[in-house]
Amino acid sequence: MMRWFQKLLPREDAFFDLFEKHAQTLVAGADALHAMLQGGEQVPHWCREIVTHEARADAIAHDVLVAVRRTFITPFDRSDIKDLIQSMDDAIDQMNKTAKAITLFEARTFDPPMREIAGLAVDAARRTAVALPYLREIGRHASAINSYTEEVVKLEERSDQLHDEGLRELYRRHKDGNAMAFIVGVEIYDHLEKVVDRFEDVANEINGIVIEHL
């Protein structure tokens, strides 16, 4: 009965605009992360870019939470809105943590698996940006959202594989030598793998909203 009643009342669709705007910061942040992992003297520049995108994402997330408190009728449950924007913000926060670690260790060269994981993050971010507008018409796009979730899960599985392969190679390379290089490498791998994990969290939140509204 409540769902039927809500359909008769005007909804605040600005939430969708904010979600999609935040998704663009995810894409920009992931692109900067990927560029940073190419190494060289531009690494500090791309680190600063990630910080900038993370700050913009925080501002958008704040706007979403304010809107949740002020809006009488929301497109879907308030808890779902908060969980979704939080998961999205966690993704770019993790990119920022990765950039901070790279800045701390003054890393300028990165292993091929690290660069590939960053590429997976770009793919996940772009897929997320495509999927979010589907929430405007959940019933119509349920199948596409399910496909998106499956694709991101596969990206996360590939990220896990690259993470493990990278750590094994890192150990072989440094087991009789530079312990600090091994520690730094492990730290970077762990941060990168968590970036893709966070995108899987976003996909799961989106898919959960679909399940609740069908």
N, C-alpha and C. Protein backbone atom coordinates (compact mmCIF):
# COMPACT_ATOMS: atom_id res chain seq x y z
N MET A 1 0.82 -1.20 0.00
CA MET A 1 0.00 0.00 0.00
C MET A 1 0.86 1.26 0.00
N MET A 2 1.93 1.27 0.83
CA MET A 2 2.80 2.44 0.91
C MET A 2 3.48 2.71 -0.43
N ARG A 3 3.93 1.64 -1.08
CA ARG A 3 4.59 1.83 -2.38
C ARG A 3 3.61 2.42 -3.40
N TRP A 4 2.39 1.94 -3.39
CA TRP A 4 1.38 2.48 -4.32
C TRP A 4 1.13 3.95 -4.02
N PHE A 5 1.05 4.30 -2.72
CA PHE A 5 0.80 5.69 -2.34
C PHE A 5 1.95 6.59 -2.77
N GLN A 6 3.18 6.11 -2.63
CA GLN A 6 4.35 6.92 -3.00
C GLN A 6 4.36 7.23 -4.50
N LYS A 7 3.83 6.32 -5.30
CA LYS A 7 3.79 6.55 -6.75
C LYS A 7 2.89 7.73 -7.11
N LEU A 8 1.97 8.07 -6.23
CA LEU A 8 1.07 9.19 -6.50
C LEU A 8 1.67 10.54 -6.12
N LEU A 9 2.78 10.53 -5.41
CA LEU A 9 3.39 11.75 -4.93
C LEU A 9 4.63 12.10 -5.77
N PRO A 10 4.94 13.40 -5.86
CA PRO A 10 6.13 13.80 -6.61
C PRO A 10 7.40 13.30 -5.92
N ARG A 11 8.38 12.90 -6.69
CA ARG A 11 9.63 12.40 -6.14
C ARG A 11 10.74 13.40 -6.39
N GLU A 12 11.78 13.32 -5.57
CA GLU A 12 12.94 14.19 -5.74
C GLU A 12 13.98 13.45 -6.58
N ASP A 13 14.00 13.74 -7.87
CA ASP A 13 14.89 13.02 -8.78
C ASP A 13 16.29 13.62 -8.84
N ALA A 14 16.54 14.67 -8.06
CA ALA A 14 17.89 15.24 -8.02
C ALA A 14 18.90 14.22 -7.53
N PHE A 15 18.45 13.21 -6.79
CA PHE A 15 19.36 12.17 -6.33
C PHE A 15 20.07 11.50 -7.50
N PHE A 16 19.32 11.23 -8.57
CA PHE A 16 19.92 10.58 -9.72
C PHE A 16 21.02 11.45 -10.33
N ASP A 17 20.75 12.75 -10.41
CA ASP A 17 21.76 13.67 -10.95
C ASP A 17 23.03 13.64 -10.10
N LEU A 18 22.84 13.60 -8.78
CA LEU A 18 24.00 13.58 -7.88
C LEU A 18 24.77 12.27 -7.99
N PHE A 19 24.06 11.14 -8.07
CA PHE A 19 24.74 9.86 -8.25
C PHE A 19 25.57 9.87 -9.52
N GLU A 20 24.99 10.37 -10.59
CA GLU A 20 25.69 10.36 -11.88
C GLU A 20 26.86 11.34 -11.87
N LYS A 21 26.68 12.45 -11.19
CA LYS A 21 27.78 13.41 -11.05
C LYS A 21 28.94 12.80 -10.26
N HIS A 22 28.60 12.10 -9.19
CA HIS A 22 29.64 11.43 -8.40
C HIS A 22 30.35 10.37 -9.23
N ALA A 23 29.59 9.65 -10.05
CA ALA A 23 30.19 8.61 -10.89
C ALA A 23 31.24 9.19 -11.82
N GLN A 24 31.04 10.43 -12.27
CA GLN A 24 32.03 11.06 -13.13
C GLN A 24 33.33 11.34 -12.37
N THR A 25 33.24 11.61 -11.07
CA THR A 25 34.48 11.77 -10.29
C THR A 25 35.18 10.42 -10.15
N LEU A 26 34.41 9.34 -10.10
CA LEU A 26 35.02 8.02 -10.05
C LEU A 26 35.79 7.72 -11.33
N VAL A 27 35.21 8.07 -12.46
CA VAL A 27 35.89 7.86 -13.73
C VAL A 27 37.15 8.71 -13.81
N ALA A 28 37.03 9.99 -13.44
CA ALA A 28 38.19 10.88 -13.49
C ALA A 28 39.28 10.41 -12.52
N GLY A 29 38.88 9.98 -11.34
CA GLY A 29 39.85 9.49 -10.37
C GLY A 29 40.55 8.23 -10.85
N ALA A 30 39.78 7.30 -11.43
CA ALA A 30 40.37 6.05 -11.94
C ALA A 30 41.30 6.33 -13.11
N ASP A 31 40.93 7.26 -13.98
CA ASP A 31 41.82 7.64 -15.09
C ASP A 31 43.14 8.20 -14.56
N ALA A 32 43.05 9.04 -13.52
CA ALA A 32 44.25 9.62 -12.92
C ALA A 32 45.09 8.53 -12.24
N LEU A 33 44.42 7.58 -11.59
CA LEU A 33 45.13 6.46 -10.96
C LEU A 33 45.90 5.66 -12.00
N HIS A 34 45.25 5.38 -13.11
CA HIS A 34 45.89 4.61 -14.18
C HIS A 34 47.08 5.38 -14.76
N ALA A 35 46.90 6.67 -14.95
CA ALA A 35 48.01 7.50 -15.46
C ALA A 35 49.16 7.53 -14.47
N MET A 36 48.85 7.61 -13.19
CA MET A 36 49.88 7.62 -12.15
C MET A 36 50.71 6.34 -12.18
N LEU A 37 50.05 5.22 -12.42
CA LEU A 37 50.73 3.92 -12.40
C LEU A 37 51.62 3.70 -13.62
N GLN A 38 51.58 4.63 -14.57
CA GLN A 38 52.53 4.54 -15.69
C GLN A 38 53.92 4.97 -15.24
N GLY A 39 54.00 5.63 -14.09
CA GLY A 39 55.29 5.97 -13.50
C GLY A 39 55.91 7.24 -14.07
N GLY A 40 57.14 7.50 -13.67
CA GLY A 40 57.86 8.66 -14.16
C GLY A 40 57.67 9.89 -13.28
N GLU A 41 58.12 11.01 -13.79
CA GLU A 41 58.12 12.24 -13.01
C GLU A 41 56.73 12.88 -12.89
N GLN A 42 55.75 12.36 -13.65
CA GLN A 42 54.38 12.89 -13.55
C GLN A 42 53.57 12.27 -12.42
N VAL A 43 54.17 11.32 -11.71
CA VAL A 43 53.44 10.66 -10.61
C VAL A 43 52.87 11.66 -9.60
N PRO A 44 53.67 12.63 -9.10
CA PRO A 44 53.10 13.60 -8.13
C PRO A 44 51.92 14.39 -8.69
N HIS A 45 51.99 14.73 -9.99
CA HIS A 45 50.89 15.47 -10.62
C HIS A 45 49.61 14.65 -10.55
N TRP A 46 49.67 13.36 -10.90
CA TRP A 46 48.46 12.54 -10.91
C TRP A 46 47.97 12.26 -9.50
N CYS A 47 48.89 12.21 -8.55
CA CYS A 47 48.47 12.09 -7.15
C CYS A 47 47.61 13.29 -6.74
N ARG A 48 48.04 14.47 -7.12
CA ARG A 48 47.28 15.68 -6.80
C ARG A 48 45.93 15.69 -7.50
N GLU A 49 45.89 15.17 -8.72
CA GLU A 49 44.62 15.09 -9.44
C GLU A 49 43.63 14.20 -8.69
N ILE A 50 44.11 13.09 -8.18
CA ILE A 50 43.23 12.18 -7.44
C ILE A 50 42.69 12.87 -6.19
N VAL A 51 43.55 13.60 -5.50
CA VAL A 51 43.11 14.33 -4.31
C VAL A 51 42.00 15.33 -4.68
N THR A 52 42.17 16.01 -5.80
CA THR A 52 41.16 16.98 -6.25
C THR A 52 39.83 16.30 -6.54
N HIS A 53 39.87 15.17 -7.24
CA HIS A 53 38.63 14.45 -7.56
C HIS A 53 37.98 13.89 -6.30
N GLU A 54 38.79 13.46 -5.35
CA GLU A 54 38.24 12.93 -4.10
C GLU A 54 37.52 14.01 -3.31
N ALA A 55 38.07 15.22 -3.32
CA ALA A 55 37.42 16.34 -2.63
C ALA A 55 36.08 16.67 -3.29
N ARG A 56 36.03 16.65 -4.61
CA ARG A 56 34.77 16.92 -5.31
C ARG A 56 33.75 15.83 -5.00
N ALA A 57 34.20 14.59 -4.94
CA ALA A 57 33.30 13.49 -4.63
C ALA A 57 32.73 13.63 -3.22
N ASP A 58 33.56 14.03 -2.28
CA ASP A 58 33.10 14.23 -0.90
C ASP A 58 31.99 15.29 -0.85
N ALA A 59 32.17 16.36 -1.61
CA ALA A 59 31.17 17.43 -1.63
C ALA A 59 29.84 16.92 -2.18
N ILE A 60 29.90 16.10 -3.22
CA ILE A 60 28.67 15.54 -3.80
C ILE A 60 28.01 14.58 -2.82
N ALA A 61 28.80 13.76 -2.17
CA ALA A 61 28.26 12.83 -1.18
C ALA A 61 27.57 13.60 -0.05
N HIS A 62 28.17 14.70 0.35
CA HIS A 62 27.56 15.54 1.38
C HIS A 62 26.21 16.07 0.91
N ASP A 63 26.14 16.50 -0.35
CA ASP A 63 24.87 17.01 -0.90
C ASP A 63 23.79 15.93 -0.89
N VAL A 64 24.20 14.70 -1.18
CA VAL A 64 23.24 13.59 -1.17
C VAL A 64 22.68 13.39 0.24
N LEU A 65 23.54 13.39 1.23
CA LEU A 65 23.10 13.16 2.61
C LEU A 65 22.20 14.30 3.10
N VAL A 66 22.51 15.52 2.69
CA VAL A 66 21.66 16.65 3.05
C VAL A 66 20.28 16.49 2.40
N ALA A 67 20.28 16.09 1.14
CA ALA A 67 19.02 15.90 0.41
C ALA A 67 18.18 14.80 1.03
N VAL A 68 18.83 13.74 1.52
CA VAL A 68 18.10 12.65 2.17
C VAL A 68 17.33 13.18 3.38
N ARG A 69 17.96 14.06 4.14
CA ARG A 69 17.32 14.60 5.34
C ARG A 69 16.19 15.56 5.01
N ARG A 70 16.30 16.26 3.89
CA ARG A 70 15.35 17.32 3.57
C ARG A 70 14.21 16.90 2.65
N THR A 71 14.34 15.74 2.02
CA THR A 71 13.37 15.32 1.02
C THR A 71 12.31 14.41 1.62
N PHE A 72 11.06 14.73 1.35
CA PHE A 72 9.94 13.95 1.90
C PHE A 72 9.82 12.60 1.19
N ILE A 73 9.78 12.63 -0.14
CA ILE A 73 9.68 11.40 -0.93
C ILE A 73 10.98 11.20 -1.70
N THR A 74 11.62 10.07 -1.46
CA THR A 74 12.88 9.75 -2.15
C THR A 74 12.63 8.66 -3.19
N PRO A 75 13.49 8.56 -4.19
CA PRO A 75 13.27 7.57 -5.27
C PRO A 75 13.24 6.14 -4.76
N PHE A 76 14.05 5.84 -3.75
CA PHE A 76 14.01 4.55 -3.07
C PHE A 76 14.42 4.76 -1.62
N ASP A 77 14.50 3.69 -0.86
CA ASP A 77 14.68 3.80 0.59
C ASP A 77 15.88 4.68 0.95
N ARG A 78 15.71 5.46 1.99
CA ARG A 78 16.77 6.37 2.43
C ARG A 78 18.05 5.61 2.79
N SER A 79 17.89 4.46 3.42
CA SER A 79 19.07 3.69 3.78
C SER A 79 19.82 3.21 2.53
N ASP A 80 19.07 2.87 1.48
CA ASP A 80 19.71 2.45 0.23
C ASP A 80 20.46 3.61 -0.41
N ILE A 81 19.88 4.79 -0.36
CA ILE A 81 20.55 5.98 -0.90
C ILE A 81 21.85 6.25 -0.16
N LYS A 82 21.79 6.20 1.15
CA LYS A 82 22.99 6.46 1.95
C LYS A 82 24.05 5.39 1.73
N ASP A 83 23.62 4.13 1.65
CA ASP A 83 24.59 3.05 1.46
C ASP A 83 25.24 3.13 0.08
N LEU A 84 24.45 3.50 -0.93
CA LEU A 84 25.00 3.59 -2.28
C LEU A 84 26.02 4.71 -2.38
N ILE A 85 25.68 5.91 -1.91
CA ILE A 85 26.62 7.02 -2.04
C ILE A 85 27.86 6.78 -1.17
N GLN A 86 27.68 6.10 -0.04
CA GLN A 86 28.83 5.79 0.81
C GLN A 86 29.77 4.81 0.11
N SER A 87 29.20 3.81 -0.55
CA SER A 87 30.04 2.84 -1.26
C SER A 87 30.78 3.51 -2.41
N MET A 88 30.11 4.44 -3.10
CA MET A 88 30.77 5.17 -4.18
C MET A 88 31.89 6.04 -3.63
N ASP A 89 31.63 6.69 -2.52
CA ASP A 89 32.65 7.54 -1.92
C ASP A 89 33.82 6.71 -1.40
N ASP A 90 33.53 5.51 -0.91
CA ASP A 90 34.60 4.62 -0.45
C ASP A 90 35.56 4.27 -1.60
N ALA A 91 35.00 4.14 -2.81
CA ALA A 91 35.83 3.78 -3.96
C ALA A 91 36.87 4.87 -4.25
N ILE A 92 36.43 6.12 -4.28
CA ILE A 92 37.40 7.17 -4.58
C ILE A 92 38.28 7.48 -3.37
N ASP A 93 37.76 7.23 -2.15
CA ASP A 93 38.61 7.35 -0.97
C ASP A 93 39.77 6.36 -1.05
N GLN A 94 39.48 5.16 -1.53
CA GLN A 94 40.54 4.17 -1.64
C GLN A 94 41.56 4.56 -2.71
N MET A 95 41.11 5.19 -3.78
CA MET A 95 42.07 5.72 -4.76
C MET A 95 42.98 6.75 -4.09
N ASN A 96 42.39 7.59 -3.26
CA ASN A 96 43.16 8.62 -2.56
C ASN A 96 44.16 7.99 -1.61
N LYS A 97 43.76 6.92 -0.91
CA LYS A 97 44.69 6.23 -0.02
C LYS A 97 45.86 5.63 -0.81
N THR A 98 45.55 5.13 -2.00
CA THR A 98 46.60 4.58 -2.86
C THR A 98 47.59 5.67 -3.25
N ALA A 99 47.05 6.82 -3.65
CA ALA A 99 47.91 7.94 -4.04
C ALA A 99 48.75 8.42 -2.86
N LYS A 100 48.18 8.44 -1.66
CA LYS A 100 48.92 8.87 -0.48
C LYS A 100 50.07 7.90 -0.17
N ALA A 101 49.81 6.60 -0.32
CA ALA A 101 50.87 5.62 -0.08
C ALA A 101 52.00 5.78 -1.09
N ILE A 102 51.64 6.00 -2.35
CA ILE A 102 52.66 6.18 -3.39
C ILE A 102 53.46 7.46 -3.13
N THR A 103 52.78 8.50 -2.67
CA THR A 103 53.47 9.74 -2.33
C THR A 103 54.41 9.52 -1.15
N LEU A 104 53.94 8.82 -0.14
CA LEU A 104 54.75 8.57 1.05
C LEU A 104 56.03 7.82 0.71
N PHE A 105 55.92 6.81 -0.14
CA PHE A 105 57.08 5.98 -0.47
C PHE A 105 57.88 6.53 -1.65
N GLU A 106 57.40 7.64 -2.23
CA GLU A 106 58.09 8.27 -3.36
C GLU A 106 58.33 7.29 -4.51
N ALA A 107 57.34 6.43 -4.74
CA ALA A 107 57.45 5.44 -5.81
C ALA A 107 57.33 6.11 -7.17
N ARG A 108 58.14 5.66 -8.11
CA ARG A 108 58.11 6.22 -9.47
C ARG A 108 58.04 5.15 -10.55
N THR A 109 58.22 3.90 -10.16
CA THR A 109 58.11 2.79 -11.12
C THR A 109 57.15 1.75 -10.53
N PHE A 110 56.40 1.09 -11.42
CA PHE A 110 55.37 0.17 -10.97
C PHE A 110 55.37 -1.08 -11.83
N ASP A 111 55.07 -2.19 -11.20
CA ASP A 111 55.07 -3.48 -11.90
C ASP A 111 53.90 -3.56 -12.87
N PRO A 112 54.05 -4.34 -13.96
CA PRO A 112 52.94 -4.49 -14.92
C PRO A 112 51.62 -4.93 -14.29
N PRO A 113 51.61 -5.88 -13.32
CA PRO A 113 50.31 -6.22 -12.71
C PRO A 113 49.66 -5.05 -11.98
N MET A 114 50.47 -4.16 -11.40
CA MET A 114 49.91 -2.97 -10.75
C MET A 114 49.19 -2.11 -11.77
N ARG A 115 49.84 -1.93 -12.92
CA ARG A 115 49.23 -1.10 -13.97
C ARG A 115 47.95 -1.76 -14.49
N GLU A 116 47.96 -3.09 -14.56
CA GLU A 116 46.77 -3.78 -15.06
C GLU A 116 45.61 -3.67 -14.07
N ILE A 117 45.90 -3.74 -12.78
CA ILE A 117 44.85 -3.56 -11.78
C ILE A 117 44.25 -2.16 -11.90
N ALA A 118 45.12 -1.17 -12.09
CA ALA A 118 44.62 0.20 -12.28
C ALA A 118 43.73 0.29 -13.51
N GLY A 119 44.07 -0.46 -14.56
CA GLY A 119 43.23 -0.50 -15.75
C GLY A 119 41.87 -1.13 -15.47
N LEU A 120 41.86 -2.14 -14.60
CA LEU A 120 40.58 -2.74 -14.20
C LEU A 120 39.72 -1.74 -13.45
N ALA A 121 40.36 -0.90 -12.63
CA ALA A 121 39.62 0.13 -11.90
C ALA A 121 38.97 1.12 -12.87
N VAL A 122 39.68 1.47 -13.93
CA VAL A 122 39.11 2.35 -14.96
C VAL A 122 37.89 1.69 -15.59
N ASP A 123 38.02 0.43 -15.94
CA ASP A 123 36.91 -0.30 -16.55
C ASP A 123 35.71 -0.34 -15.61
N ALA A 124 35.96 -0.64 -14.33
CA ALA A 124 34.87 -0.70 -13.35
C ALA A 124 34.20 0.66 -13.17
N ALA A 125 35.00 1.73 -13.15
CA ALA A 125 34.45 3.07 -12.98
C ALA A 125 33.57 3.45 -14.17
N ARG A 126 34.02 3.15 -15.35
CA ARG A 126 33.24 3.51 -16.54
C ARG A 126 31.95 2.69 -16.62
N ARG A 127 32.03 1.43 -16.26
CA ARG A 127 30.82 0.60 -16.25
C ARG A 127 29.82 1.12 -15.21
N THR A 128 30.34 1.58 -14.08
CA THR A 128 29.47 2.14 -13.04
C THR A 128 28.79 3.41 -13.52
N ALA A 129 29.53 4.25 -14.21
CA ALA A 129 28.95 5.49 -14.74
C ALA A 129 27.85 5.20 -15.76
N VAL A 130 28.00 4.12 -16.51
CA VAL A 130 26.97 3.73 -17.47
C VAL A 130 25.75 3.15 -16.75
N ALA A 131 25.99 2.40 -15.68
CA ALA A 131 24.91 1.70 -15.00
C ALA A 131 24.03 2.60 -14.14
N LEU A 132 24.60 3.63 -13.54
CA LEU A 132 23.84 4.44 -12.60
C LEU A 132 22.57 5.07 -13.19
N PRO A 133 22.60 5.59 -14.42
CA PRO A 133 21.35 6.14 -14.98
C PRO A 133 20.23 5.11 -15.10
N TYR A 134 20.59 3.82 -15.10
CA TYR A 134 19.56 2.79 -15.18
C TYR A 134 18.63 2.82 -13.97
N LEU A 135 19.11 3.38 -12.85
CA LEU A 135 18.29 3.43 -11.64
C LEU A 135 17.07 4.34 -11.81
N ARG A 136 17.09 5.19 -12.81
CA ARG A 136 15.94 6.05 -13.05
C ARG A 136 14.71 5.24 -13.47
N GLU A 137 14.96 4.09 -14.12
CA GLU A 137 13.87 3.19 -14.54
C GLU A 137 14.31 1.76 -14.25
N ILE A 138 14.22 1.38 -13.00
CA ILE A 138 14.77 0.10 -12.57
C ILE A 138 14.13 -1.09 -13.30
N GLY A 139 12.80 -1.09 -13.38
CA GLY A 139 12.12 -2.20 -14.02
C GLY A 139 12.57 -2.42 -15.45
N ARG A 140 12.74 -1.33 -16.15
CA ARG A 140 13.13 -1.40 -17.57
C ARG A 140 14.56 -1.89 -17.75
N HIS A 141 15.42 -1.57 -16.78
CA HIS A 141 16.86 -1.84 -16.96
C HIS A 141 17.40 -2.89 -16.00
N ALA A 142 16.53 -3.66 -15.37
CA ALA A 142 16.98 -4.65 -14.39
C ALA A 142 17.99 -5.63 -14.97
N SER A 143 17.74 -6.08 -16.18
CA SER A 143 18.64 -7.05 -16.81
C SER A 143 20.02 -6.43 -17.06
N ALA A 144 20.03 -5.19 -17.52
CA ALA A 144 21.31 -4.52 -17.77
C ALA A 144 22.08 -4.31 -16.47
N ILE A 145 21.38 -4.01 -15.39
CA ILE A 145 22.06 -3.82 -14.11
C ILE A 145 22.63 -5.14 -13.61
N ASN A 146 21.89 -6.22 -13.79
CA ASN A 146 22.41 -7.54 -13.40
C ASN A 146 23.67 -7.88 -14.19
N SER A 147 23.67 -7.56 -15.47
CA SER A 147 24.84 -7.82 -16.30
C SER A 147 26.03 -6.98 -15.84
N TYR A 148 25.75 -5.72 -15.51
CA TYR A 148 26.80 -4.84 -14.99
C TYR A 148 27.42 -5.42 -13.73
N THR A 149 26.59 -5.91 -12.81
CA THR A 149 27.10 -6.48 -11.57
C THR A 149 28.00 -7.68 -11.86
N GLU A 150 27.58 -8.54 -12.75
CA GLU A 150 28.37 -9.72 -13.11
C GLU A 150 29.71 -9.31 -13.72
N GLU A 151 29.71 -8.27 -14.53
CA GLU A 151 30.94 -7.81 -15.16
C GLU A 151 31.92 -7.26 -14.12
N VAL A 152 31.41 -6.50 -13.16
CA VAL A 152 32.29 -5.95 -12.14
C VAL A 152 32.84 -7.05 -11.23
N VAL A 153 32.03 -8.05 -10.94
CA VAL A 153 32.51 -9.19 -10.15
C VAL A 153 33.68 -9.87 -10.87
N LYS A 154 33.58 -10.02 -12.18
CA LYS A 154 34.67 -10.63 -12.95
C LYS A 154 35.92 -9.76 -12.90
N LEU A 155 35.74 -8.44 -12.95
CA LEU A 155 36.88 -7.54 -12.85
C LEU A 155 37.55 -7.69 -11.48
N GLU A 156 36.74 -7.83 -10.44
CA GLU A 156 37.29 -7.98 -9.09
C GLU A 156 38.05 -9.30 -8.96
N GLU A 157 37.53 -10.35 -9.57
CA GLU A 157 38.21 -11.65 -9.53
C GLU A 157 39.55 -11.58 -10.25
N ARG A 158 39.58 -10.88 -11.36
CA ARG A 158 40.84 -10.71 -12.09
C ARG A 158 41.82 -9.86 -11.27
N SER A 159 41.32 -8.88 -10.57
CA SER A 159 42.15 -8.06 -9.70
C SER A 159 42.79 -8.90 -8.61
N ASP A 160 41.99 -9.78 -7.99
CA ASP A 160 42.52 -10.68 -6.96
C ASP A 160 43.64 -11.55 -7.53
N GLN A 161 43.42 -12.05 -8.73
CA GLN A 161 44.42 -12.90 -9.36
C GLN A 161 45.72 -12.14 -9.61
N LEU A 162 45.60 -10.92 -10.14
CA LEU A 162 46.79 -10.11 -10.40
C LEU A 162 47.50 -9.74 -9.10
N HIS A 163 46.73 -9.47 -8.07
CA HIS A 163 47.29 -9.14 -6.76
C HIS A 163 48.16 -10.30 -6.26
N ASP A 164 47.62 -11.51 -6.34
CA ASP A 164 48.36 -12.68 -5.84
C ASP A 164 49.58 -12.97 -6.70
N GLU A 165 49.42 -12.88 -8.02
CA GLU A 165 50.55 -13.11 -8.92
C GLU A 165 51.63 -12.07 -8.69
N GLY A 166 51.21 -10.82 -8.51
CA GLY A 166 52.17 -9.74 -8.29
C GLY A 166 52.96 -9.93 -7.00
N LEU A 167 52.28 -10.35 -5.94
CA LEU A 167 52.96 -10.58 -4.67
C LEU A 167 53.97 -11.72 -4.77
N ARG A 168 53.60 -12.78 -5.49
CA ARG A 168 54.54 -13.89 -5.66
C ARG A 168 55.80 -13.44 -6.39
N GLU A 169 55.62 -12.69 -7.47
CA GLU A 169 56.77 -12.20 -8.23
C GLU A 169 57.59 -11.22 -7.41
N LEU A 170 56.91 -10.39 -6.62
CA LEU A 170 57.60 -9.44 -5.76
C LEU A 170 58.47 -10.17 -4.75
N TYR A 171 57.94 -11.24 -4.19
CA TYR A 171 58.71 -12.02 -3.21
C TYR A 171 59.93 -12.66 -3.86
N ARG A 172 59.72 -13.26 -5.03
CA ARG A 172 60.85 -13.90 -5.72
C ARG A 172 61.96 -12.90 -6.02
N ARG A 173 61.56 -11.69 -6.38
CA ARG A 173 62.53 -10.69 -6.77
C ARG A 173 63.33 -10.15 -5.59
N HIS A 174 62.68 -10.09 -4.41
CA HIS A 174 63.31 -9.40 -3.28
C HIS A 174 63.60 -10.29 -2.08
N LYS A 175 63.38 -11.59 -2.18
CA LYS A 175 63.55 -12.45 -1.01
C LYS A 175 64.98 -12.48 -0.49
N ASP A 176 65.95 -12.23 -1.35
CA ASP A 176 67.35 -12.22 -0.91
C ASP A 176 67.96 -10.82 -1.02
N GLY A 177 67.10 -9.81 -1.12
CA GLY A 177 67.65 -8.48 -1.36
C GLY A 177 66.98 -7.38 -0.57
N ASN A 178 66.29 -6.48 -1.30
CA ASN A 178 65.77 -5.23 -0.75
C ASN A 178 64.42 -5.46 -0.05
N ALA A 179 64.48 -5.60 1.29
CA ALA A 179 63.25 -5.84 2.05
C ALA A 179 62.29 -4.66 1.97
N MET A 180 62.82 -3.43 1.96
CA MET A 180 61.95 -2.26 1.90
C MET A 180 61.20 -2.20 0.58
N ALA A 181 61.85 -2.56 -0.52
CA ALA A 181 61.17 -2.58 -1.81
C ALA A 181 60.02 -3.58 -1.80
N PHE A 182 60.22 -4.70 -1.11
CA PHE A 182 59.15 -5.69 -0.99
C PHE A 182 57.98 -5.13 -0.19
N ILE A 183 58.27 -4.47 0.93
CA ILE A 183 57.23 -3.90 1.78
C ILE A 183 56.42 -2.85 1.03
N VAL A 184 57.13 -1.98 0.31
CA VAL A 184 56.46 -0.93 -0.47
C VAL A 184 55.57 -1.55 -1.54
N GLY A 185 56.10 -2.55 -2.22
CA GLY A 185 55.33 -3.21 -3.27
C GLY A 185 54.06 -3.85 -2.74
N VAL A 186 54.18 -4.53 -1.59
CA VAL A 186 53.01 -5.16 -0.97
C VAL A 186 51.95 -4.11 -0.64
N GLU A 187 52.40 -2.98 -0.08
CA GLU A 187 51.47 -1.91 0.29
C GLU A 187 50.71 -1.38 -0.92
N ILE A 188 51.42 -1.17 -2.01
CA ILE A 188 50.78 -0.63 -3.22
C ILE A 188 49.81 -1.65 -3.81
N TYR A 189 50.23 -2.92 -3.87
CA TYR A 189 49.34 -3.95 -4.37
C TYR A 189 48.05 -4.03 -3.55
N ASP A 190 48.19 -3.98 -2.24
CA ASP A 190 47.01 -4.10 -1.38
C ASP A 190 46.05 -2.92 -1.59
N HIS A 191 46.59 -1.71 -1.71
CA HIS A 191 45.73 -0.55 -1.94
C HIS A 191 45.02 -0.65 -3.29
N LEU A 192 45.74 -1.05 -4.32
CA LEU A 192 45.14 -1.14 -5.64
C LEU A 192 44.03 -2.19 -5.68
N GLU A 193 44.30 -3.34 -5.07
CA GLU A 193 43.30 -4.40 -5.07
C GLU A 193 42.03 -3.96 -4.35
N LYS A 194 42.18 -3.16 -3.30
CA LYS A 194 41.03 -2.66 -2.57
C LYS A 194 40.21 -1.66 -3.39
N VAL A 195 40.84 -0.95 -4.31
CA VAL A 195 40.10 -0.03 -5.17
C VAL A 195 39.05 -0.81 -5.97
N VAL A 196 39.48 -1.91 -6.57
CA VAL A 196 38.54 -2.71 -7.36
C VAL A 196 37.51 -3.37 -6.45
N ASP A 197 37.92 -3.77 -5.26
CA ASP A 197 36.96 -4.30 -4.28
C ASP A 197 35.83 -3.32 -4.01
N ARG A 198 36.20 -2.04 -3.86
CA ARG A 198 35.20 -1.03 -3.56
C ARG A 198 34.20 -0.87 -4.71
N PHE A 199 34.66 -1.04 -5.95
CA PHE A 199 33.74 -0.98 -7.08
C PHE A 199 32.78 -2.16 -7.07
N GLU A 200 33.25 -3.31 -6.61
CA GLU A 200 32.34 -4.45 -6.46
C GLU A 200 31.28 -4.13 -5.41
N ASP A 201 31.68 -3.44 -4.34
CA ASP A 201 30.70 -3.03 -3.32
C ASP A 201 29.62 -2.13 -3.93
N VAL A 202 30.05 -1.20 -4.79
CA VAL A 202 29.09 -0.31 -5.45
C VAL A 202 28.11 -1.12 -6.30
N ALA A 203 28.65 -2.05 -7.07
CA ALA A 203 27.80 -2.89 -7.92
C ALA A 203 26.81 -3.69 -7.09
N ASN A 204 27.26 -4.20 -5.96
CA ASN A 204 26.36 -4.97 -5.10
C ASN A 204 25.27 -4.08 -4.50
N GLU A 205 25.60 -2.85 -4.16
CA GLU A 205 24.58 -1.92 -3.65
C GLU A 205 23.53 -1.63 -4.71
N ILE A 206 23.99 -1.38 -5.93
CA ILE A 206 23.06 -1.11 -7.03
C ILE A 206 22.16 -2.31 -7.28
N ASN A 207 22.77 -3.49 -7.29
CA ASN A 207 22.00 -4.70 -7.54
C ASN A 207 21.00 -4.96 -6.42
N GLY A 208 21.38 -4.62 -5.19
CA GLY A 208 20.47 -4.78 -4.07
C GLY A 208 19.24 -3.90 -4.19
N ILE A 209 19.44 -2.69 -4.70
CA ILE A 209 18.30 -1.78 -4.92
C ILE A 209 17.35 -2.37 -5.95
N VAL A 210 17.91 -2.98 -6.99
CA VAL A 210 17.07 -3.61 -8.02
C VAL A 210 16.24 -4.72 -7.41
N ILE A 211 16.87 -5.56 -6.61
CA ILE A 211 16.16 -6.69 -6.01
C ILE A 211 15.00 -6.22 -5.14
N GLU A 212 15.20 -5.12 -4.40
CA GLU A 212 14.17 -4.62 -3.52
C GLU A 212 12.99 -3.99 -4.25
N HIS A 213 13.24 -3.55 -5.51
CA HIS A 213 12.20 -2.76 -6.19
C HIS A 213 11.57 -3.49 -7.36
N LEU A 214 11.79 -4.77 -7.46
CA LEU A 214 11.14 -5.54 -8.51
C LEU A 214 10.05 -6.43 -7.94
